[in-house]
N, C-alpha and C. Protein backbone atom coordinates (compact mmCIF):
# COMPACT_ATOMS: atom_id res chain seq x y z
N MET A 1 258.09 103.99 40.12
CA MET A 1 256.84 103.17 40.10
C MET A 1 255.81 103.17 39.32
N LEU A 2 254.91 102.77 38.65
CA LEU A 2 253.92 102.86 38.10
C LEU A 2 252.60 102.84 39.16
N PRO A 3 251.89 104.09 38.94
CA PRO A 3 250.85 103.54 39.80
C PRO A 3 249.79 102.81 39.58
N ILE A 4 249.42 102.40 40.56
CA ILE A 4 248.19 100.95 40.26
C ILE A 4 246.71 101.53 39.98
N ALA A 5 246.63 100.92 39.10
CA ALA A 5 244.55 101.40 38.43
C ALA A 5 244.01 100.54 38.93
N LYS A 6 242.84 100.75 39.17
CA LYS A 6 241.90 99.96 39.87
C LYS A 6 240.81 100.16 38.42
N THR A 7 240.31 98.99 38.34
CA THR A 7 238.69 98.95 37.87
C THR A 7 237.94 98.32 38.02
N CYS A 8 236.49 98.71 37.95
CA CYS A 8 235.32 97.93 38.42
C CYS A 8 234.32 97.96 37.34
N PHE A 9 234.79 97.14 36.34
CA PHE A 9 233.62 96.92 34.96
C PHE A 9 232.84 95.74 35.72
N GLY A 10 233.48 94.71 36.03
CA GLY A 10 232.61 93.92 36.07
C GLY A 10 231.36 93.64 36.72
N LEU A 11 231.09 94.76 37.53
CA LEU A 11 229.66 94.68 37.84
C LEU A 11 228.79 95.19 37.21
N LEU A 12 229.33 96.33 36.32
CA LEU A 12 228.47 97.20 35.15
C LEU A 12 228.18 96.37 34.09
N PHE A 13 229.12 95.33 33.72
CA PHE A 13 229.13 94.67 33.01
C PHE A 13 228.14 93.40 33.48
N PHE A 14 227.91 92.94 34.15
CA PHE A 14 226.72 91.89 34.61
C PHE A 14 225.20 92.60 34.49
N LEU A 15 225.62 94.09 35.13
CA LEU A 15 224.23 94.81 35.24
C LEU A 15 223.56 95.05 33.45
N GLY A 16 224.46 95.16 32.78
CA GLY A 16 223.96 95.96 31.36
C GLY A 16 223.94 94.36 30.51
N PHE A 17 223.88 95.01 29.16
CA PHE A 17 223.24 93.83 28.32
C PHE A 17 224.33 92.98 27.17
N LEU A 18 224.45 91.98 26.97
CA LEU A 18 225.64 91.07 26.59
C LEU A 18 224.89 91.37 25.08
N GLY A 19 226.06 91.64 24.01
CA GLY A 19 225.97 91.54 22.47
C GLY A 19 226.52 90.02 22.22
N LEU A 20 225.46 89.02 21.63
CA LEU A 20 225.67 88.04 20.68
C LEU A 20 225.30 88.14 19.47
N CYS A 21 226.49 87.54 18.91
CA CYS A 21 226.77 87.03 17.40
C CYS A 21 226.69 85.87 17.25
N GLN A 22 226.51 85.46 15.96
CA GLN A 22 227.28 84.02 15.54
C GLN A 22 228.49 83.93 14.90
N ALA A 23 228.72 83.03 15.39
CA ALA A 23 230.39 82.60 14.46
C ALA A 23 229.81 82.50 12.99
N GLN A 24 231.25 83.56 12.18
CA GLN A 24 230.83 83.16 10.27
C GLN A 24 231.79 82.23 10.39
N THR A 25 231.71 81.17 9.33
CA THR A 25 232.99 80.60 8.75
C THR A 25 232.48 80.62 7.61
N TRP A 26 233.89 81.37 6.65
CA TRP A 26 233.70 81.34 5.69
C TRP A 26 233.95 79.47 4.85
N LEU A 27 233.84 79.59 3.36
CA LEU A 27 233.69 78.29 3.12
C LEU A 27 234.72 78.19 2.28
N HIS A 28 235.55 79.23 2.01
CA HIS A 28 237.29 79.38 1.18
C HIS A 28 237.68 80.62 1.61
N SER A 29 239.06 80.93 1.36
CA SER A 29 239.54 82.04 1.30
C SER A 29 239.55 83.19 -0.03
N TYR A 30 239.65 84.47 0.16
CA TYR A 30 239.93 84.87 -1.49
C TYR A 30 240.80 84.40 -2.32
N ARG A 31 240.56 84.36 -3.65
CA ARG A 31 241.02 83.50 -4.58
C ARG A 31 241.51 82.35 -4.61
N ARG A 32 240.61 81.69 -3.44
CA ARG A 32 241.36 79.98 -3.28
C ARG A 32 239.61 79.30 -3.97
N TYR A 33 240.40 77.95 -4.25
CA TYR A 33 239.39 77.03 -5.11
C TYR A 33 238.15 77.08 -4.03
N LEU A 34 237.02 76.48 -4.18
CA LEU A 34 235.40 76.10 -3.37
C LEU A 34 235.03 75.05 -3.68
N ASN A 35 234.93 74.16 -3.06
CA ASN A 35 234.00 72.93 -3.25
C ASN A 35 233.58 72.70 -1.79
N TYR A 36 232.16 72.73 -1.69
CA TYR A 36 231.40 72.77 -0.83
C TYR A 36 229.61 72.29 -1.34
N THR A 37 229.52 70.85 -0.42
CA THR A 37 228.11 70.47 -0.43
C THR A 37 227.73 70.39 0.92
N CYS A 38 226.32 70.70 0.75
CA CYS A 38 225.84 70.17 1.96
C CYS A 38 225.37 68.94 3.27
N PRO A 39 225.33 68.83 4.07
CA PRO A 39 225.32 67.62 4.49
C PRO A 39 224.55 66.58 3.96
N PRO A 40 224.87 65.13 3.60
CA PRO A 40 223.96 64.61 3.20
C PRO A 40 222.38 64.47 4.21
N GLY A 41 220.95 64.69 2.74
CA GLY A 41 219.61 65.01 3.08
C GLY A 41 219.50 66.55 3.12
N GLU A 42 220.41 67.51 3.05
CA GLU A 42 219.91 68.99 3.35
C GLU A 42 220.17 70.04 1.85
N VAL A 43 219.81 70.55 1.82
CA VAL A 43 220.00 71.63 0.86
C VAL A 43 220.44 73.07 1.56
N PHE A 44 220.41 73.45 0.40
CA PHE A 44 220.81 75.16 0.95
C PHE A 44 219.86 76.07 1.74
N SER A 45 220.03 76.83 2.84
CA SER A 45 218.85 77.50 3.85
C SER A 45 219.19 78.85 3.67
N ARG A 46 220.58 79.17 3.16
CA ARG A 46 221.01 80.34 3.13
C ARG A 46 222.21 80.59 2.26
N LEU A 47 222.74 82.03 1.60
CA LEU A 47 223.41 81.69 0.84
C LEU A 47 223.71 83.24 1.68
N GLU A 48 225.65 83.66 1.53
CA GLU A 48 226.02 84.78 2.17
C GLU A 48 227.25 85.04 1.60
N SER A 49 227.29 86.06 0.91
CA SER A 49 229.25 86.38 0.35
C SER A 49 229.58 87.80 0.47
N GLU A 50 231.13 87.79 0.77
CA GLU A 50 231.34 89.46 1.18
C GLU A 50 232.36 89.66 -0.31
N HIS A 51 232.23 90.42 -0.91
CA HIS A 51 233.44 90.90 -1.83
C HIS A 51 234.55 91.90 -1.30
N HIS A 52 235.60 91.82 -1.51
CA HIS A 52 236.91 92.14 -1.37
C HIS A 52 236.98 92.59 -2.99
N ASP A 53 237.08 94.37 -2.15
CA ASP A 53 237.75 95.06 -3.87
C ASP A 53 239.33 95.89 -3.62
N SER A 54 240.08 95.22 -3.63
CA SER A 54 241.17 96.10 -3.45
C SER A 54 242.60 96.46 -4.82
N LYS A 55 243.48 96.44 -4.60
CA LYS A 55 244.59 96.46 -5.89
C LYS A 55 244.62 94.59 -5.95
N ASP A 56 244.78 93.81 -4.75
CA ASP A 56 245.29 93.03 -4.85
C ASP A 56 244.30 91.80 -4.75
N VAL A 57 243.31 92.04 -4.06
CA VAL A 57 242.26 91.45 -3.98
C VAL A 57 241.13 91.51 -4.80
N GLN A 58 240.69 90.94 -5.74
CA GLN A 58 239.17 91.51 -6.22
C GLN A 58 238.83 89.73 -6.67
N ASP A 59 237.93 89.53 -5.35
CA ASP A 59 237.50 88.14 -5.28
C ASP A 59 236.08 88.17 -4.48
N ARG A 60 235.35 87.41 -4.61
CA ARG A 60 234.19 87.13 -3.31
C ARG A 60 234.46 85.79 -2.48
N LYS A 61 233.83 85.89 -1.71
CA LYS A 61 233.94 84.52 -0.81
C LYS A 61 232.30 83.92 -0.25
N TRP A 62 232.33 83.14 -0.12
CA TRP A 62 230.89 82.47 0.41
C TRP A 62 230.81 81.80 1.44
N HIS A 63 229.77 81.75 2.42
CA HIS A 63 229.17 81.19 3.57
C HIS A 63 227.77 80.95 2.73
N ALA A 64 227.46 79.13 3.17
CA ALA A 64 226.47 78.53 3.33
C ALA A 64 226.42 77.79 4.76
N GLU A 65 224.50 77.85 4.96
CA GLU A 65 224.41 77.13 5.72
C GLU A 65 222.87 76.24 4.86
N CYS A 66 222.41 75.10 5.51
CA CYS A 66 221.76 74.08 4.68
C CYS A 66 220.68 73.52 5.90
N ALA A 67 219.72 73.13 5.43
CA ALA A 67 218.54 72.24 6.15
C ALA A 67 217.84 71.21 5.19
N THR A 68 217.34 70.22 6.11
CA THR A 68 216.30 69.53 5.09
C THR A 68 215.40 70.01 4.77
N PRO A 69 214.98 69.80 3.80
CA PRO A 69 213.95 70.73 2.98
C PRO A 69 212.78 69.87 3.87
N ASP A 70 211.59 70.92 4.33
CA ASP A 70 210.13 70.76 4.61
C ASP A 70 209.68 69.26 4.41
N ALA A 71 209.64 68.95 2.92
CA ALA A 71 209.31 68.02 2.31
C ALA A 71 209.69 66.13 2.49
N GLY A 72 211.27 66.55 3.04
CA GLY A 72 212.03 65.40 3.32
C GLY A 72 213.49 65.47 2.99
N ALA A 73 214.38 64.45 2.69
CA ALA A 73 215.52 64.46 2.63
C ALA A 73 215.79 64.32 1.13
N ALA A 74 217.27 65.17 0.81
CA ALA A 74 217.77 65.41 -0.76
C ALA A 74 218.03 64.18 -0.71
N THR A 75 218.10 63.40 -2.05
CA THR A 75 218.80 62.08 -2.30
C THR A 75 219.06 62.49 -3.92
N ASN A 76 219.68 61.21 -4.59
CA ASN A 76 219.91 61.33 -6.20
C ASN A 76 220.36 62.50 -6.36
N CYS A 77 221.86 63.17 -6.02
CA CYS A 77 222.72 64.61 -6.10
C CYS A 77 223.59 64.04 -7.12
N ALA A 78 223.84 64.90 -7.90
CA ALA A 78 225.08 64.98 -8.58
C ALA A 78 225.49 66.52 -8.82
N TRP A 79 226.43 66.55 -9.54
CA TRP A 79 227.18 67.66 -9.79
C TRP A 79 226.87 68.33 -11.74
N SER A 80 227.14 69.48 -11.71
CA SER A 80 226.22 69.98 -13.00
C SER A 80 226.91 69.38 -14.01
N GLY A 81 227.59 68.89 -13.95
CA GLY A 81 228.37 68.43 -15.46
C GLY A 81 230.28 68.45 -15.05
N LEU A 82 230.96 67.93 -16.88
CA LEU A 82 232.05 67.89 -15.85
C LEU A 82 232.93 69.31 -16.26
N GLY A 83 232.45 69.95 -16.87
CA GLY A 83 232.55 71.45 -16.97
C GLY A 83 232.20 72.71 -16.01
N TYR A 84 232.25 73.45 -16.35
CA TYR A 84 231.72 74.60 -15.38
C TYR A 84 230.30 75.49 -16.15
N VAL A 85 229.59 75.94 -15.67
CA VAL A 85 228.35 76.44 -15.90
C VAL A 85 228.65 77.76 -16.71
N ASN A 86 229.30 78.52 -16.66
CA ASN A 86 229.88 80.08 -16.80
C ASN A 86 231.44 79.92 -17.28
N ASP A 87 231.41 81.04 -18.34
CA ASP A 87 232.89 81.20 -18.35
C ASP A 87 233.35 82.54 -17.93
N TYR A 88 234.77 82.96 -17.94
CA TYR A 88 235.13 83.84 -17.22
C TYR A 88 234.24 85.36 -18.17
N ASP A 89 233.86 86.30 -17.57
CA ASP A 89 233.86 87.35 -17.91
C ASP A 89 232.29 87.29 -18.58
N GLY A 90 231.57 86.18 -18.18
CA GLY A 90 230.06 86.20 -18.98
C GLY A 90 229.12 86.08 -18.05
N ILE A 91 228.24 85.81 -18.50
CA ILE A 91 226.74 85.44 -17.59
C ILE A 91 226.59 84.15 -17.46
N MET A 92 226.03 83.87 -16.35
CA MET A 92 225.71 82.41 -15.30
C MET A 92 224.04 82.63 -14.98
N LEU A 93 223.83 81.46 -16.06
CA LEU A 93 222.82 81.28 -15.60
C LEU A 93 222.12 80.00 -15.80
N TYR A 94 221.78 79.06 -14.51
CA TYR A 94 221.77 77.77 -14.35
C TYR A 94 220.41 77.37 -13.60
N GLN A 95 219.78 76.15 -13.97
CA GLN A 95 218.91 75.58 -13.03
C GLN A 95 219.05 74.43 -13.17
N CYS A 96 218.89 73.65 -11.58
CA CYS A 96 218.59 72.54 -11.43
C CYS A 96 217.97 71.56 -12.22
N PRO A 97 218.58 70.40 -13.04
CA PRO A 97 217.28 69.84 -14.04
C PRO A 97 216.39 69.13 -13.26
N ASP A 98 215.66 68.84 -14.08
CA ASP A 98 214.18 68.02 -12.97
C ASP A 98 213.44 68.82 -11.76
N ASN A 99 213.28 67.84 -10.91
CA ASN A 99 212.75 68.61 -9.81
C ASN A 99 214.20 68.75 -8.70
N SER A 100 215.09 68.62 -8.99
CA SER A 100 216.26 68.89 -7.78
C SER A 100 216.81 70.32 -7.56
N VAL A 101 217.60 70.11 -6.58
CA VAL A 101 217.66 71.69 -6.10
C VAL A 101 218.98 71.84 -5.74
N LEU A 102 219.56 73.12 -5.69
CA LEU A 102 220.95 73.48 -5.37
C LEU A 102 221.26 72.97 -3.57
N SER A 103 222.31 72.03 -3.81
CA SER A 103 222.90 71.65 -2.39
C SER A 103 224.29 71.56 -2.41
N GLY A 104 224.84 72.21 -3.08
CA GLY A 104 226.46 72.54 -3.29
C GLY A 104 226.81 73.37 -4.55
N MET A 105 228.59 73.82 -4.34
CA MET A 105 228.91 74.71 -5.58
C MET A 105 230.49 74.11 -4.98
N ALA A 106 231.00 74.59 -6.35
CA ALA A 106 232.43 74.33 -6.39
C ALA A 106 232.51 75.73 -7.42
N SER A 107 233.73 76.22 -7.45
CA SER A 107 234.22 77.76 -8.33
C SER A 107 236.05 77.34 -8.14
N VAL A 108 236.42 78.15 -9.36
CA VAL A 108 237.47 78.24 -9.07
C VAL A 108 238.13 79.82 -9.50
N TYR A 109 238.90 80.09 -9.20
CA TYR A 109 239.01 81.54 -9.12
C TYR A 109 240.49 81.69 -10.54
N SER A 110 240.27 82.64 -11.40
CA SER A 110 241.37 83.36 -12.01
C SER A 110 242.22 84.47 -11.56
N LYS A 111 243.31 84.70 -11.68
CA LYS A 111 243.91 86.29 -11.18
C LYS A 111 243.68 86.84 -12.43
N TYR A 112 243.94 86.15 -13.61
CA TYR A 112 244.04 86.98 -15.25
C TYR A 112 242.66 87.84 -15.12
N TYR A 113 241.46 86.80 -15.59
CA TYR A 113 240.20 87.33 -15.67
C TYR A 113 239.75 87.97 -14.22
N LEU A 114 240.03 87.66 -13.42
CA LEU A 114 240.03 88.51 -11.80
C LEU A 114 237.88 88.01 -11.68
N ASP A 115 237.85 86.74 -11.85
CA ASP A 115 236.40 86.61 -12.26
C ASP A 115 236.70 85.08 -11.69
N ARG A 116 235.41 84.01 -11.07
CA ARG A 116 235.55 83.10 -10.77
C ARG A 116 234.41 82.37 -12.19
N ARG A 117 234.67 81.27 -12.21
CA ARG A 117 233.68 80.03 -13.03
C ARG A 117 233.13 79.07 -12.03
N TYR A 118 231.96 78.68 -12.06
CA TYR A 118 231.20 77.82 -11.03
C TYR A 118 230.09 76.43 -11.60
N LYS A 119 230.38 75.77 -11.12
CA LYS A 119 229.66 74.40 -11.05
C LYS A 119 228.64 74.25 -9.93
N PHE A 120 227.57 73.41 -10.07
CA PHE A 120 226.50 73.38 -8.87
C PHE A 120 226.48 71.68 -8.60
N TYR A 121 225.99 71.32 -7.40
CA TYR A 121 226.03 70.07 -6.92
C TYR A 121 223.86 70.03 -6.68
N CYS A 122 223.41 69.12 -7.44
CA CYS A 122 221.81 69.61 -7.15
C CYS A 122 220.98 68.17 -7.08
N CYS A 123 220.04 68.11 -5.82
CA CYS A 123 219.74 66.98 -5.28
C CYS A 123 218.28 67.18 -5.52
N GLY A 124 217.75 66.03 -5.69
CA GLY A 124 216.35 65.20 -5.82
C GLY A 124 215.68 65.66 -4.34
N VAL A 125 214.53 65.86 -4.22
CA VAL A 125 213.61 65.96 -2.85
C VAL A 125 212.74 64.99 -3.01
N SER A 126 212.64 63.86 -2.09
CA SER A 126 211.32 63.16 -2.58
C SER A 126 210.21 63.42 -2.76
N ASP A 127 209.46 62.95 -3.45
CA ASP A 127 207.82 63.44 -3.49
C ASP A 127 207.45 64.92 -3.22
N THR A 128 208.51 65.78 -4.28
CA THR A 128 208.26 66.97 -4.49
C THR A 128 208.61 67.31 -5.86
N VAL A 129 208.20 68.39 -6.13
CA VAL A 129 207.18 68.93 -7.76
C VAL A 129 207.57 70.64 -7.58
N ALA A 130 208.95 71.09 -8.24
CA ALA A 130 209.33 72.29 -8.25
C ALA A 130 207.95 72.56 -8.93
N HIS A 131 207.51 74.10 -8.17
CA HIS A 131 206.53 74.69 -9.07
C HIS A 131 206.20 76.37 -8.64
N SER A 132 205.78 77.38 -9.64
CA SER A 132 205.57 78.47 -9.11
C SER A 132 207.18 79.18 -9.13
N CYS A 133 207.92 78.43 -9.82
CA CYS A 133 209.78 78.93 -9.53
C CYS A 133 209.57 80.47 -10.27
N TYR A 134 210.28 81.09 -9.67
CA TYR A 134 210.92 83.07 -10.53
C TYR A 134 212.01 83.07 -9.76
N TYR A 135 212.49 84.06 -10.64
CA TYR A 135 213.62 84.51 -10.02
C TYR A 135 213.49 85.99 -9.02
N THR A 136 214.55 85.68 -8.06
CA THR A 136 213.98 87.13 -6.91
C THR A 136 214.14 88.22 -7.12
N GLY A 137 215.34 88.56 -8.45
CA GLY A 137 215.49 89.91 -8.67
C GLY A 137 217.39 89.89 -7.61
N TYR A 138 218.20 91.13 -8.11
CA TYR A 138 219.05 90.79 -7.97
C TYR A 138 219.50 90.84 -6.07
N GLN A 139 220.06 90.54 -5.42
CA GLN A 139 219.80 90.33 -3.99
C GLN A 139 221.36 90.83 -3.72
N ASN A 140 222.04 91.67 -4.70
CA ASN A 140 223.07 92.49 -3.70
C ASN A 140 223.69 93.39 -5.03
N ASP A 141 224.93 94.07 -5.03
CA ASP A 141 225.03 95.03 -5.87
C ASP A 141 226.59 94.50 -5.97
N PHE A 142 226.81 95.16 -7.00
CA PHE A 142 228.69 95.01 -7.20
C PHE A 142 229.19 95.29 -6.18
N ASN A 143 230.29 94.74 -5.94
CA ASN A 143 230.89 94.87 -4.65
C ASN A 143 230.35 95.20 -3.18
N ASN A 144 229.22 94.42 -3.25
CA ASN A 144 228.70 94.35 -2.21
C ASN A 144 228.29 93.37 -1.15
N MET A 145 227.80 92.78 -0.13
CA MET A 145 227.49 91.87 0.66
C MET A 145 226.50 91.16 0.15
N MET A 146 226.45 89.85 -0.01
CA MET A 146 224.93 89.24 -0.13
C MET A 146 224.51 88.42 0.92
N ASP A 147 223.31 88.23 1.35
CA ASP A 147 222.95 87.48 2.62
C ASP A 147 221.58 87.08 2.27
N PHE A 148 221.14 85.92 1.72
CA PHE A 148 220.19 85.68 1.14
C PHE A 148 219.34 83.86 2.01
N LYS A 149 218.53 84.56 2.59
CA LYS A 149 218.17 83.52 4.00
C LYS A 149 216.65 82.87 2.47
N VAL A 150 216.53 81.50 2.65
CA VAL A 150 215.63 80.89 2.01
C VAL A 150 214.27 81.13 2.69
N PRO A 151 213.03 81.33 2.03
CA PRO A 151 211.64 81.49 3.36
C PRO A 151 211.39 79.91 3.15
N THR A 152 210.29 79.88 3.99
CA THR A 152 209.89 78.55 4.55
C THR A 152 209.36 78.45 3.52
N GLY A 153 209.37 76.74 3.28
CA GLY A 153 208.24 76.04 2.37
C GLY A 153 209.10 76.50 0.94
N TRP A 154 210.28 76.98 0.46
CA TRP A 154 210.50 77.15 -0.65
C TRP A 154 212.34 76.65 -0.73
N ILE A 155 212.42 76.45 -2.18
CA ILE A 155 214.08 75.92 -2.40
C ILE A 155 214.65 77.25 -3.56
N ILE A 156 216.11 76.99 -3.49
CA ILE A 156 216.74 77.47 -4.58
C ILE A 156 217.17 76.85 -5.53
N LYS A 157 216.97 76.56 -6.86
CA LYS A 157 216.51 75.91 -7.63
C LYS A 157 217.53 76.37 -8.83
N GLY A 158 217.74 77.65 -8.89
CA GLY A 158 219.00 78.23 -10.27
C GLY A 158 219.54 79.40 -9.52
N VAL A 159 220.68 79.73 -10.65
CA VAL A 159 221.56 81.32 -10.06
C VAL A 159 221.45 81.42 -11.57
N PHE A 160 221.72 83.40 -10.94
CA PHE A 160 221.96 84.28 -11.86
C PHE A 160 222.94 85.09 -11.88
N SER A 161 223.91 85.40 -12.72
CA SER A 161 224.60 86.42 -12.38
C SER A 161 225.32 87.23 -13.82
N HIS A 162 226.21 88.00 -13.39
CA HIS A 162 226.61 88.55 -14.56
C HIS A 162 227.91 89.27 -14.11
N HIS A 163 229.03 88.99 -14.71
CA HIS A 163 230.37 90.22 -14.35
C HIS A 163 230.40 91.35 -15.12
N SER A 164 231.29 91.82 -14.09
CA SER A 164 231.19 93.38 -14.81
C SER A 164 232.86 93.51 -14.78
N ASN A 165 233.14 93.95 -15.96
CA ASN A 165 234.99 94.43 -15.87
C ASN A 165 235.00 95.71 -15.65
N HIS A 166 233.82 96.33 -15.58
CA HIS A 166 234.38 97.84 -14.86
C HIS A 166 234.77 97.55 -13.55
N VAL A 167 234.11 97.03 -12.55
CA VAL A 167 234.27 97.03 -11.04
C VAL A 167 234.67 95.59 -10.87
N HIS A 168 235.26 94.63 -11.65
CA HIS A 168 235.74 93.35 -11.56
C HIS A 168 235.18 92.58 -10.64
N GLU A 169 233.84 92.22 -10.67
CA GLU A 169 232.92 91.28 -9.94
C GLU A 169 231.84 90.74 -11.40
């Protein structure tokens, strides 16, 4: 017969602190197609990504949060064109045209290049003129997490990235 074990963790649990976490949902799995647009009227308010670096997987997956811009709803949206804005193993430098801002992205992964190509979904914001634009500087390093929260009153208008064959990102 096994001994009966008694536990009294219930009282301690209720007297202690609770650890709260937000649930994280990724927009796609590693090496899978990504196609995401914010809900109608919204633009990116947070972009987060995680890179996986192993023998079998050299890829980055994405999480996004969206919100209605301070100036009003995003409208007149369009994709960045028929093709992708970057080539494999190359530099990606893209800005939404005119006064439009980022509201979505699509990406395809290549097992051969161990890299992604991207296209972006841009939307105009009523009665808004993009001004005082600047690039933030790098938001992460190769093979590391990225978590960028758009400061209040700002929008994401463009992106820059480059691929390294040395670290396969």
